[in-house]
């Protein structure tokens, strides 16, 4: 299972903050009696500072997929956090993530609401 997610950095701190995806999974799995996930993080760009940093949306996406398929390997494909800053990047970044994702696994889970470029890229 492959999940494209926006990479996070300490410079970008969303409401609710950032956390370590591995720690979130440990608490989630204890609470719901799930096996530990087989996690892997790959990047569509060089130099991701801390691939395990995640905000609430990324954690939610990953934990829900893990709940549905608890024994499958989960590969998080990081996309630049700034990739939704303009329409051109909002198109090229998901394509890069899909290409890389297809080489990592046969099933890709997309949460497309945030992958369309943000509200500034959508007409009324």
Protein backbone atom coordinates (compact mmCIF):
# COMPACT_ATOMS: atom_id res chain seq x y z
CA UNK A 1 0.00 0.00 0.00
CA UNK A 2 1.38 3.38 -1.03
CA UNK A 3 0.31 6.73 0.41
CA UNK A 4 1.55 9.97 -1.16
CA UNK A 5 1.86 12.63 1.57
CA UNK A 6 3.22 16.16 1.77
CA UNK A 7 6.63 16.26 3.48
CA UNK A 8 6.75 18.23 6.71
CA UNK A 9 9.59 20.24 8.25
CA UNK A 10 10.11 21.87 11.62
CA UNK A 11 9.86 25.26 9.89
CA UNK A 12 6.27 24.50 8.93
CA UNK A 13 4.25 23.84 12.06
CA UNK A 14 0.54 23.45 11.35
CA UNK A 15 -2.17 23.90 13.98
CA UNK A 16 -1.95 20.85 16.20
CA UNK A 17 1.79 20.57 15.57
CA UNK A 18 3.89 17.78 14.13
CA UNK A 19 4.63 14.37 15.53
CA UNK A 20 6.71 11.31 14.78
CA UNK A 21 4.65 8.91 12.68
CA UNK A 22 6.30 5.89 14.35
CA UNK A 23 5.26 7.07 17.83
CA UNK A 24 1.71 7.79 16.65
CA UNK A 25 1.46 4.29 15.20
CA UNK A 26 2.75 2.69 18.39
CA UNK A 27 0.03 4.38 20.48
CA UNK A 28 -2.68 3.73 17.86
CA UNK A 29 -1.79 0.05 17.55
CA UNK A 30 -1.75 -0.44 21.34
CA UNK A 31 -5.15 1.23 21.63
CA UNK A 32 -6.79 -0.86 18.90
CA UNK A 33 -4.84 -4.11 19.26
CA UNK A 34 -3.24 -3.95 15.82
CA UNK A 35 0.12 -5.41 14.82
CA UNK A 36 2.97 -2.95 14.34
CA UNK A 37 3.00 -1.63 10.77
CA UNK A 38 5.75 -2.35 8.31
CA UNK A 39 6.53 1.28 7.46
CA UNK A 40 8.80 2.61 4.76
CA UNK A 41 9.27 6.21 3.63
CA UNK A 42 10.53 7.16 0.18
CA UNK A 43 10.81 10.61 -1.34
CA UNK A 44 10.09 12.18 -4.73
CA UNK A 45 12.86 14.73 -4.03
CA UNK A 46 16.35 14.64 -2.47
CA UNK A 47 17.15 15.78 1.03
CA UNK A 48 14.04 15.18 3.13
CA UNK A 49 15.20 16.32 6.58
CA UNK A 50 13.05 14.06 8.77
CA UNK A 51 10.87 11.63 6.84
CA UNK A 52 8.95 10.59 9.97
CA UNK A 53 7.49 14.04 10.72
CA UNK A 54 3.75 14.11 10.09
CA UNK A 55 0.78 16.32 10.77
CA UNK A 56 -2.65 15.09 11.81
CA UNK A 57 -3.90 14.59 8.25
CA UNK A 58 -0.96 12.38 7.24
CA UNK A 59 -1.26 10.37 10.46
CA UNK A 60 -4.99 9.90 9.91
CA UNK A 61 -4.47 8.75 6.31
CA UNK A 62 -1.79 6.22 7.26
CA UNK A 63 -3.60 4.85 10.32
CA UNK A 64 -6.87 4.32 8.43
CA UNK A 65 -5.10 2.39 5.67
CA UNK A 66 -3.25 0.37 8.34
CA UNK A 67 -6.58 -0.42 10.03
CA UNK A 68 -8.05 -1.73 6.77
CA UNK A 69 -4.97 -3.77 5.84
CA UNK A 70 -3.01 -4.26 9.09
CA UNK A 71 -0.48 -6.76 7.75
CA UNK A 72 0.42 -4.94 4.52
CA UNK A 73 3.59 -2.90 4.10
CA UNK A 74 2.83 0.82 4.10
CA UNK A 75 5.06 2.98 1.94
CA UNK A 76 4.75 6.72 2.50
CA UNK A 77 5.80 8.62 -0.65
CA UNK A 78 6.86 12.13 0.32
CA UNK A 79 6.00 15.02 -1.99
CA UNK A 80 7.51 18.49 -1.42
CA UNK A 81 5.42 20.42 1.08
CA UNK A 82 5.43 23.41 -1.27
CA UNK A 83 4.08 21.41 -4.19
CA UNK A 84 0.59 22.84 -3.75
CA UNK A 85 1.74 26.47 -3.88
CA UNK A 86 0.80 26.85 -7.55
CA UNK A 87 -1.20 25.01 -10.18
CA UNK A 88 1.82 23.77 -12.19
CA UNK A 89 3.43 22.16 -9.13
CA UNK A 90 0.07 20.80 -8.03
CA UNK A 91 -0.03 18.81 -11.28
CA UNK A 92 3.61 17.70 -11.53
CA UNK A 93 4.03 16.66 -7.88
CA UNK A 94 1.17 14.11 -7.81
CA UNK A 95 2.35 12.67 -11.14
CA UNK A 96 5.84 12.17 -9.67
CA UNK A 97 4.29 10.59 -6.58
CA UNK A 98 2.14 8.25 -8.66
CA UNK A 99 5.10 7.17 -10.80
CA UNK A 100 7.24 6.48 -7.76
CA UNK A 101 4.32 4.89 -5.95
CA UNK A 102 3.63 2.44 -8.77
CA UNK A 103 7.22 1.23 -8.54
CA UNK A 104 6.79 0.70 -4.77
CA UNK A 105 3.50 -1.18 -4.65
CA UNK A 106 0.36 -2.05 -6.54
CA UNK A 107 -2.19 -0.14 -4.45
CA UNK A 108 -2.07 3.63 -3.99
CA UNK A 109 -4.33 5.39 -1.50
CA UNK A 110 -5.00 9.01 -2.42
CA UNK A 111 -6.59 11.63 -0.26
CA UNK A 112 -7.27 14.02 -3.15
CA UNK A 113 -8.84 16.95 -1.31
CA UNK A 114 -5.44 18.42 -0.56
CA UNK A 115 -3.82 17.24 -3.78
CA UNK A 116 -5.67 19.58 -6.12
CA UNK A 117 -3.58 22.65 -5.45
CA UNK A 118 -5.48 24.24 -2.62
CA UNK A 119 -8.32 26.67 -2.75
CA UNK A 120 -6.30 29.28 -4.64
CA UNK A 121 -6.06 26.90 -7.64
CA UNK A 122 -9.80 26.25 -7.88
CA UNK A 123 -12.37 28.53 -9.48
CA UNK A 124 -15.74 29.03 -7.75
